[in-house]
PDB file of N, CA and C in Angstrom:
ATOM      1  N   UNK A   1     152.797 -89.779  -3.573  1.00  0.00           N
ATOM      2  CA  UNK A   1     153.654 -88.230  -3.399  1.00  0.00           C
ATOM      3  C   UNK A   1     154.792 -89.230  -4.011  1.00  0.00           C
ATOM      4  N   UNK A   2     155.858 -87.983  -3.774  1.00  0.00           N
ATOM      5  CA  UNK A   2     156.948 -87.836  -5.330  1.00  0.00           C
ATOM      6  C   UNK A   2     158.156 -88.905  -4.563  1.00  0.00           C
ATOM      7  N   UNK A   3     158.344 -89.403  -4.837  1.00  0.00           N
ATOM      8  CA  UNK A   3     159.907 -89.777  -4.886  1.00  0.00           C
ATOM      9  C   UNK A   3     161.397 -88.906  -4.477  1.00  0.00           C
ATOM     10  N   UNK A   4     161.983 -88.733  -3.147  1.00  0.00           N
ATOM     11  CA  UNK A   4     162.438 -87.136  -3.082  1.00  0.00           C
ATOM     12  C   UNK A   4     164.628 -88.180  -2.852  1.00  0.00           C
ATOM     13  N   UNK A   5     163.829 -89.250  -2.151  1.00  0.00           N
ATOM     14  CA  UNK A   5     165.326 -89.264  -2.028  1.00  0.00           C
ATOM     15  C   UNK A   5     166.592 -89.946  -3.297  1.00  0.00           C
ATOM     16  N   UNK A   6     168.284 -89.881  -2.851  1.00  0.00           N
ATOM     17  CA  UNK A   6     168.871 -89.566  -4.107  1.00  0.00           C
ATOM     18  C   UNK A   6     169.062 -90.844  -4.518  1.00  0.00           C
ATOM     19  N   UNK A   7     169.002 -91.355  -6.215  1.00  0.00           N
ATOM     20  CA  UNK A   7     169.397 -92.227  -6.084  1.00  0.00           C
ATOM     21  C   UNK A   7     170.404 -92.182  -7.227  1.00  0.00           C
ATOM     22  N   UNK A   8     171.658 -92.362  -7.280  1.00  0.00           N
ATOM     23  CA  UNK A   8     173.112 -92.844  -7.293  1.00  0.00           C
ATOM     24  C   UNK A   8     173.055 -94.577  -7.763  1.00  0.00           C
ATOM     25  N   UNK A   9     173.744 -94.113  -9.210  1.00  0.00           N
ATOM     26  CA  UNK A   9     174.563 -95.106  -9.859  1.00  0.00           C
ATOM     27  C   UNK A   9     175.882 -95.895  -9.972  1.00  0.00           C
ATOM     28  N   UNK A  10     176.995 -96.020  -9.506  1.00  0.00           N
ATOM     29  CA  UNK A  10     178.893 -95.665  -9.620  1.00  0.00           C
ATOM     30  C   UNK A  10     178.986 -97.659  -9.160  1.00  0.00           C
ATOM     31  N   UNK A  11     180.174 -97.237  -9.145  1.00  0.00           N
ATOM     32  CA  UNK A  11     180.865 -98.796  -9.047  1.00  0.00           C
ATOM     33  C   UNK A  11     181.872 -99.129  -7.433  1.00  0.00           C
ATOM     34  N   UNK A  12     181.901-100.031  -7.463  1.00  0.00           N
ATOM     35  CA  UNK A  12     182.469-100.704  -6.090  1.00  0.00           C
ATOM     36  C   UNK A  12     183.811-100.523  -5.642  1.00  0.00           C
ATOM     37  N   UNK A  13     184.148-100.103  -5.374  1.00  0.00           N
ATOM     38  CA  UNK A  13     185.629-100.042  -5.175  1.00  0.00           C
ATOM     39  C   UNK A  13     186.204-100.807  -3.676  1.00  0.00           C
ATOM     40  N   UNK A  14     185.366-101.034  -2.649  1.00  0.00           N
ATOM     41  CA  UNK A  14     186.290-102.289  -1.932  1.00  0.00           C
ATOM     42  C   UNK A  14     185.197-102.574  -0.886  1.00  0.00           C
ATOM     43  N   UNK A  15     184.508-104.131  -0.813  1.00  0.00           N
ATOM     44  CA  UNK A  15     183.913-104.844  -0.201  1.00  0.00           C
ATOM     45  C   UNK A  15     184.047-105.337   0.470  1.00  0.00           C
ATOM     46  N   UNK A  16     185.373-104.645   2.062  1.00  0.00           N
ATOM     47  CA  UNK A  16     186.749-105.232   2.366  1.00  0.00           C
ATOM     48  C   UNK A  16     185.285-105.127   4.327  1.00  0.00           C
ATOM     49  N   UNK A  17     184.496-104.563   4.142  1.00  0.00           N
ATOM     50  CA  UNK A  17     184.099-104.048   5.066  1.00  0.00           C
ATOM     51  C   UNK A  17     182.425-104.795   5.678  1.00  0.00           C
ATOM     52  N   UNK A  18     182.178-105.502   6.847  1.00  0.00           N
ATOM     53  CA  UNK A  18     181.258-106.377   7.106  1.00  0.00           C
ATOM     54  C   UNK A  18     179.970-105.513   6.666  1.00  0.00           C
ATOM     55  N   UNK A  19     179.139-105.732   5.442  1.00  0.00           N
ATOM     56  CA  UNK A  19     177.923-105.329   5.136  1.00  0.00           C
ATOM     57  C   UNK A  19     177.809-103.453   4.576  1.00  0.00           C
ATOM     58  N   UNK A  20     178.995-103.903   4.312  1.00  0.00           N
ATOM     59  CA  UNK A  20     179.419-102.399   4.088  1.00  0.00           C
ATOM     60  C   UNK A  20     180.358-101.996   2.663  1.00  0.00           C
ATOM     61  N   UNK A  21     179.996-101.124   1.643  1.00  0.00           N
ATOM     62  CA  UNK A  21     180.550-101.224  -0.008  1.00  0.00           C
ATOM     63  C   UNK A  21     181.173-100.020   0.242  1.00  0.00           C
ATOM     64  N   UNK A  22     182.136 -99.468  -0.833  1.00  0.00           N
ATOM     65  CA  UNK A  22     182.129 -98.668  -1.126  1.00  0.00           C
ATOM     66  C   UNK A  22     182.522 -98.077  -2.261  1.00  0.00           C
ATOM     67  N   UNK A  23     181.173 -96.752  -2.681  1.00  0.00           N
ATOM     68  CA  UNK A  23     180.857 -97.063  -4.262  1.00  0.00           C
ATOM     69  C   UNK A  23     181.627 -95.504  -3.665  1.00  0.00           C
ATOM     70  N   UNK A  24     182.304 -95.225  -6.003  1.00  0.00           N
ATOM     71  CA  UNK A  24     182.431 -94.574  -6.483  1.00  0.00           C
ATOM     72  C   UNK A  24     181.885 -94.116  -7.359  1.00  0.00           C
ATOM     73  N   UNK A  25     180.998 -92.884  -7.368  1.00  0.00           N
ATOM     74  CA  UNK A  25     179.525 -92.003  -8.784  1.00  0.00           C
ATOM     75  C   UNK A  25     180.679 -91.561  -9.509  1.00  0.00           C
ATOM     76  N   UNK A  26     180.793 -91.725 -10.382  1.00  0.00           N
ATOM     77  CA  UNK A  26     181.623 -89.954 -11.253  1.00  0.00           C
ATOM     78  C   UNK A  26     180.327 -88.839 -11.821  1.00  0.00           C
ATOM     79  N   UNK A  27     180.413 -88.202 -11.265  1.00  0.00           N
ATOM     80  CA  UNK A  27     179.506 -87.534 -12.176  1.00  0.00           C
ATOM     81  C   UNK A  27     180.253 -85.960 -13.277  1.00  0.00           C
ATOM     82  N   UNK A  28     179.685 -85.409 -14.336  1.00  0.00           N
ATOM     83  CA  UNK A  28     180.612 -84.693 -15.250  1.00  0.00           C
ATOM     84  C   UNK A  28     179.832 -83.238 -15.040  1.00  0.00           C
ATOM     85  N   UNK A  29     180.052 -82.385 -14.323  1.00  0.00           N
ATOM     86  CA  UNK A  29     179.736 -80.584 -14.416  1.00  0.00           C
ATOM     87  C   UNK A  29     180.894 -80.074 -15.143  1.00  0.00           C
ATOM     88  N   UNK A  30     179.797 -78.595 -15.589  1.00  0.00           N
ATOM     89  CA  UNK A  30     180.579 -77.652 -16.420  1.00  0.00           C
ATOM     90  C   UNK A  30     180.531 -77.016 -15.890  1.00  0.00           C
ATOM     91  N   UNK A  31     181.836 -76.080 -15.733  1.00  0.00           N
ATOM     92  CA  UNK A  31     182.021 -74.919 -14.868  1.00  0.00           C
ATOM     93  C   UNK A  31     181.658 -73.721 -14.969  1.00  0.00           C
ATOM     94  N   UNK A  32     181.740 -72.516 -14.365  1.00  0.00           N
ATOM     95  CA  UNK A  32     180.345 -71.696 -14.453  1.00  0.00           C
ATOM     96  C   UNK A  32     180.961 -70.266 -14.981  1.00  0.00           C
ATOM     97  N   UNK A  33     182.874 -70.832 -14.707  1.00  0.00           N
ATOM     98  CA  UNK A  33     182.963 -68.978 -15.817  1.00  0.00           C
ATOM     99  C   UNK A  33     183.932 -69.949 -16.702  1.00  0.00           C
ATOM    100  N   UNK A  34     183.975 -71.033 -16.617  1.00  0.00           N
ATOM    101  CA  UNK A  34     184.997 -70.995 -17.754  1.00  0.00           C
ATOM    102  C   UNK A  34     184.493 -71.772 -18.804  1.00  0.00           C
ATOM    103  N   UNK A  35     183.709 -73.344 -18.658  1.00  0.00           N
ATOM    104  CA  UNK A  35     182.471 -74.095 -19.942  1.00  0.00           C
ATOM    105  C   UNK A  35     183.162 -74.662 -19.736  1.00  0.00           C
ATOM    106  N   UNK A  36     184.264 -75.423 -19.148  1.00  0.00           N
ATOM    107  CA  UNK A  36     185.005 -76.477 -19.224  1.00  0.00           C
ATOM    108  C   UNK A  36     184.229 -77.764 -18.848  1.00  0.00           C
ATOM    109  N   UNK A  37     184.251 -78.958 -19.017  1.00  0.00           N
ATOM    110  CA  UNK A  37     183.724 -80.313 -18.526  1.00  0.00           C
ATOM    111  C   UNK A  37     183.987 -80.398 -17.350  1.00  0.00           C
ATOM    112  N   UNK A  38     183.794 -80.460 -16.334  1.00  0.00           N
ATOM    113  CA  UNK A  38     184.557 -81.417 -15.473  1.00  0.00           C
ATOM    114  C   UNK A  38     184.026 -83.387 -15.500  1.00  0.00           C
ATOM    115  N   UNK A  39     185.374 -83.726 -15.081  1.00  0.00           N
ATOM    116  CA  UNK A  39     184.942 -85.060 -14.223  1.00  0.00           C
ATOM    117  C   UNK A  39     184.692 -84.819 -13.189  1.00  0.00           C
ATOM    118  N   UNK A  40     183.527 -84.746 -11.632  1.00  0.00           N
ATOM    119  CA  UNK A  40     183.602 -85.211 -10.860  1.00  0.00           C
ATOM    120  C   UNK A  40     184.439 -86.681 -10.720  1.00  0.00           C
ATOM    121  N   UNK A  41     184.462 -86.755  -9.109  1.00  0.00           N
ATOM    122  CA  UNK A  41     183.833 -88.495  -8.997  1.00  0.00           C
ATOM    123  C   UNK A  41     184.523 -88.625  -6.521  1.00  0.00           C
ATOM    124  N   UNK A  42     183.286 -88.796  -5.809  1.00  0.00           N
ATOM    125  CA  UNK A  42     182.963 -89.071  -4.894  1.00  0.00           C
ATOM    126  C   UNK A  42     182.414 -90.238  -4.424  1.00  0.00           C
ATOM    127  N   UNK A  43     183.238 -90.799  -3.136  1.00  0.00           N
ATOM    128  CA  UNK A  43     182.669 -92.435  -2.862  1.00  0.00           C
ATOM    129  C   UNK A  43     181.140 -92.025  -1.711  1.00  0.00           C
ATOM    130  N   UNK A  44     180.395 -92.788  -1.483  1.00  0.00           N
ATOM    131  CA  UNK A  44     179.607 -93.008  -0.803  1.00  0.00           C
ATOM    132  C   UNK A  44     180.343 -94.848  -0.724  1.00  0.00           C
ATOM    133  N   UNK A  45     179.950 -94.406   1.433  1.00  0.00           N
ATOM    134  CA  UNK A  45     179.822 -96.111   2.088  1.00  0.00           C
ATOM    135  C   UNK A  45     178.387 -96.210   2.273  1.00  0.00           C
ATOM    136  N   UNK A  46     178.117 -97.193   1.552  1.00  0.00           N
ATOM    137  CA  UNK A  46     176.075 -97.892   1.446  1.00  0.00           C
ATOM    138  C   UNK A  46     176.508 -99.210   1.976  1.00  0.00           C
ATOM    139  N   UNK A  47     175.185 -99.101   2.441  1.00  0.00           N
ATOM    140  CA  UNK A  47     175.318-100.375   3.627  1.00  0.00           C
ATOM    141  C   UNK A  47     174.449-101.803   2.229  1.00  0.00           C
ATOM    142  N   UNK A  48     175.164-103.096   2.123  1.00  0.00           N
ATOM    143  CA  UNK A  48     174.992-104.406   1.819  1.00  0.00           C
ATOM    144  C   UNK A  48     174.951-105.097   2.743  1.00  0.00           C
ATOM    145  N   UNK A  49     173.700-105.258   3.579  1.00  0.00           N
ATOM    146  CA  UNK A  49     173.122-106.788   3.882  1.00  0.00           C
ATOM    147  C   UNK A  49     173.608-107.941   3.431  1.00  0.00           C
ATOM    148  N   UNK A  50     173.001-107.914   2.385  1.00  0.00           N
ATOM    149  CA  UNK A  50     173.525-109.912   1.459  1.00  0.00           C
ATOM    150  C   UNK A  50     175.079-109.627   1.529  1.00  0.00           C
ATOM    151  N   UNK A  51     175.759-108.657   1.744  1.00  0.00           N
ATOM    152  CA  UNK A  51     177.369-108.534   1.393  1.00  0.00           C
ATOM    153  C   UNK A  51     177.230-109.325  -0.634  1.00  0.00           C
ATOM    154  N   UNK A  52     176.404-109.059  -1.001  1.00  0.00           N
ATOM    155  CA  UNK A  52     176.508-109.760  -2.403  1.00  0.00           C
ATOM    156  C   UNK A  52     177.235-108.671  -3.353  1.00  0.00           C
ATOM    157  N   UNK A  53     177.609-107.438  -3.009  1.00  0.00           N
ATOM    158  CA  UNK A  53     178.920-107.019  -3.977  1.00  0.00           C
ATOM    159  C   UNK A  53     180.303-106.786  -3.497  1.00  0.00           C
ATOM    160  N   UNK A  54     180.567-106.652  -4.733  1.00  0.00           N
ATOM    161  CA  UNK A  54     181.971-107.723  -5.860  1.00  0.00           C
ATOM    162  C   UNK A  54     182.364-106.119  -5.971  1.00  0.00           C
ATOM    163  N   UNK A  55     184.023-106.002  -6.258  1.00  0.00           N
ATOM    164  CA  UNK A  55     184.768-104.986  -5.984  1.00  0.00           C
ATOM    165  C   UNK A  55     184.643-104.910  -7.914  1.00  0.00           C
ATOM    166  N   UNK A  56     184.130-103.659  -8.577  1.00  0.00           N
ATOM    167  CA  UNK A  56     184.188-103.672 -10.128  1.00  0.00           C
ATOM    168  C   UNK A  56     182.562-103.740 -10.313  1.00  0.00           C
ATOM    169  N   UNK A  57     181.780-104.114  -9.782  1.00  0.00           N
ATOM    170  CA  UNK A  57     180.346-103.865 -10.101  1.00  0.00           C
ATOM    171  C   UNK A  57     179.784-102.677  -9.785  1.00  0.00           C
ATOM    172  N   UNK A  58     178.744-102.499 -10.999  1.00  0.00           N
ATOM    173  CA  UNK A  58     177.998-101.533 -11.145  1.00  0.00           C
ATOM    174  C   UNK A  58     176.908-101.671 -10.146  1.00  0.00           C
ATOM    175  N   UNK A  59     176.647-100.717  -9.666  1.00  0.00           N
ATOM    176  CA  UNK A  59     175.692-100.526  -8.524  1.00  0.00           C
ATOM    177  C   UNK A  59     174.593 -99.616  -8.432  1.00  0.00           C
ATOM    178  N   UNK A  60     172.980 -99.461  -7.931  1.00  0.00           N
ATOM    179  CA  UNK A  60     172.674 -98.372  -8.129  1.00  0.00           C
ATOM    180  C   UNK A  60     172.417 -98.182  -5.780  1.00  0.00           C
ATOM    181  N   UNK A  61     172.309 -97.175  -5.657  1.00  0.00           N
ATOM    182  CA  UNK A  61     172.655 -96.941  -3.855  1.00  0.00           C
ATOM    183  C   UNK A  61     171.195 -96.348  -4.186  1.00  0.00           C
ATOM    184  N   UNK A  62     170.631 -95.900  -3.091  1.00  0.00           N
ATOM    185  CA  UNK A  62     169.306 -94.707  -2.365  1.00  0.00           C
ATOM    186  C   UNK A  62     169.757 -94.309  -1.418  1.00  0.00           C
ATOM    187  N   UNK A  63     168.919 -92.920  -1.221  1.00  0.00           N
ATOM    188  CA  UNK A  63     169.862 -92.059  -0.110  1.00  0.00           C
ATOM    189  C   UNK A  63     168.738 -92.761   1.704  1.00  0.00           C
ATOM    190  N   UNK A  64     169.222 -93.163   2.829  1.00  0.00           N
ATOM    191  CA  UNK A  64     168.222 -93.415   4.125  1.00  0.00           C
ATOM    192  C   UNK A  64     168.661 -93.269   4.941  1.00  0.00           C
ATOM    193  N   UNK A  65     167.891 -93.458   6.101  1.00  0.00           N
ATOM    194  CA  UNK A  65     168.612 -92.357   7.209  1.00  0.00           C
ATOM    195  C   UNK A  65     170.031 -92.504   7.678  1.00  0.00           C
ATOM    196  N   UNK A  66     170.317 -92.233   8.640  1.00  0.00           N
ATOM    197  CA  UNK A  66     171.912 -92.622   8.463  1.00  0.00           C
ATOM    198  C   UNK A  66     171.410 -93.763   9.417  1.00  0.00           C
ATOM    199  N   UNK A  67     172.490 -94.702   9.006  1.00  0.00           N
ATOM    200  CA  UNK A  67     172.778 -96.324   9.989  1.00  0.00           C
ATOM    201  C   UNK A  67     174.023 -96.378  10.688  1.00  0.00           C
ATOM    202  N   UNK A  68     174.709 -95.428  10.344  1.00  0.00           N
ATOM    203  CA  UNK A  68     175.739 -95.152  10.836  1.00  0.00           C
ATOM    204  C   UNK A  68     176.759 -93.939  10.900  1.00  0.00           C
ATOM    205  N   UNK A  69     177.423 -93.648  11.175  1.00  0.00           N
ATOM    206  CA  UNK A  69     178.490 -92.341  11.592  1.00  0.00           C
ATOM    207  C   UNK A  69     179.051 -91.983  10.097  1.00  0.00           C
ATOM    208  N   UNK A  70     178.851 -93.107   8.568  1.00  0.00           N
ATOM    209  CA  UNK A  70     179.759 -92.138   7.300  1.00  0.00           C
ATOM    210  C   UNK A  70     178.046 -92.320   6.399  1.00  0.00           C
ATOM    211  N   UNK A  71     177.557 -94.238   7.144  1.00  0.00           N
ATOM    212  CA  UNK A  71     176.966 -94.560   6.445  1.00  0.00           C
ATOM    213  C   UNK A  71     175.389 -93.653   5.812  1.00  0.00           C
ATOM    214  N   UNK A  72     175.015 -93.378   4.607  1.00  0.00           N
ATOM    215  CA  UNK A  72     173.269 -92.990   4.250  1.00  0.00           C
ATOM    216  C   UNK A  72     172.658 -92.858   3.221  1.00  0.00           C
ATOM    217  N   UNK A  73     173.454 -94.716   2.915  1.00  0.00           N
ATOM    218  CA  UNK A  73     173.610 -95.127   1.666  1.00  0.00           C
ATOM    219  C   UNK A  73     173.212 -96.174   1.901  1.00  0.00           C
ATOM    220  N   UNK A  74     171.939 -97.345   1.001  1.00  0.00           N
ATOM    221  CA  UNK A  74     171.751 -98.381   1.480  1.00  0.00           C
ATOM    222  C   UNK A  74     172.074 -99.158  -0.857  1.00  0.00           C
ATOM    223  N   UNK A  75     173.059 -99.993  -0.300  1.00  0.00           N
ATOM    224  CA  UNK A  75     171.944-101.051  -2.427  1.00  0.00           C
ATOM    225  C   UNK A  75     171.390-101.192  -2.301  1.00  0.00           C
ATOM    226  N   UNK A  76     170.679-101.054  -3.521  1.00  0.00           N
ATOM    227  CA  UNK A  76     169.187-101.058  -4.262  1.00  0.00           C
ATOM    228  C   UNK A  76     169.316-102.622  -4.638  1.00  0.00           C
ATOM    229  N   UNK A  77     170.403-102.174  -6.035  1.00  0.00           N
ATOM    230  CA  UNK A  77     170.553-103.228  -7.303  1.00  0.00           C
ATOM    231  C   UNK A  77     171.922-103.480  -7.387  1.00  0.00           C
ATOM    232  N   UNK A  78     172.186-104.245  -7.929  1.00  0.00           N
ATOM    233  CA  UNK A  78     173.353-104.520  -8.741  1.00  0.00           C
ATOM    234  C   UNK A  78     172.651-104.252 -10.138  1.00  0.00           C
ATOM    235  N   UNK A  79     173.135-103.360 -10.589  1.00  0.00           N
ATOM    236  CA  UNK A  79     172.636-103.153 -12.228  1.00  0.00           C
ATOM    237  C   UNK A  79     173.909-104.346 -13.462  1.00  0.00           C
ATOM    238  N   UNK A  80     175.327-104.612 -12.809  1.00  0.00           N
ATOM    239  CA  UNK A  80     176.432-105.032 -13.656  1.00  0.00           C
ATOM    240  C   UNK A  80     177.241-105.759 -12.950  1.00  0.00           C
ATOM    241  N   UNK A  81     177.320-107.214 -13.307  1.00  0.00           N
ATOM    242  CA  UNK A  81     178.882-107.668 -12.528  1.00  0.00           C
ATOM    243  C   UNK A  81     179.610-107.216 -12.626  1.00  0.00           C
ATOM    244  N   UNK A  82     181.101-107.300 -12.045  1.00  0.00           N
ATOM    245  CA  UNK A  82     182.071-107.435 -12.508  1.00  0.00           C
ATOM    246  C   UNK A  82     182.907-108.068 -13.266  1.00  0.00           C
ATOM    247  N   UNK A  83     183.260-108.767 -14.495  1.00  0.00           N
ATOM    248  CA  UNK A  83     184.204-109.404 -15.902  1.00  0.00           C
ATOM    249  C   UNK A  83     184.979-110.161 -14.677  1.00  0.00           C
TER     250      UNK A  83
END
């Protein structure tokens, strides 16, 4: 069976909560009428079991079952550490 869960890559903007990080994912999308390329940003709360991600880290998150009221993603890996 093909994996159908969303996988997103973004930057950690906050790690102040216990076992939770806020990840900002940036994407580009073309406007359907005018054709202008727009940059979109969206923030997701992701579950970080080991509290290993820090602000500025580039991470990969995957969609999961609801963990709490706002958490629907889990941290899978740290792609790049912050400098």
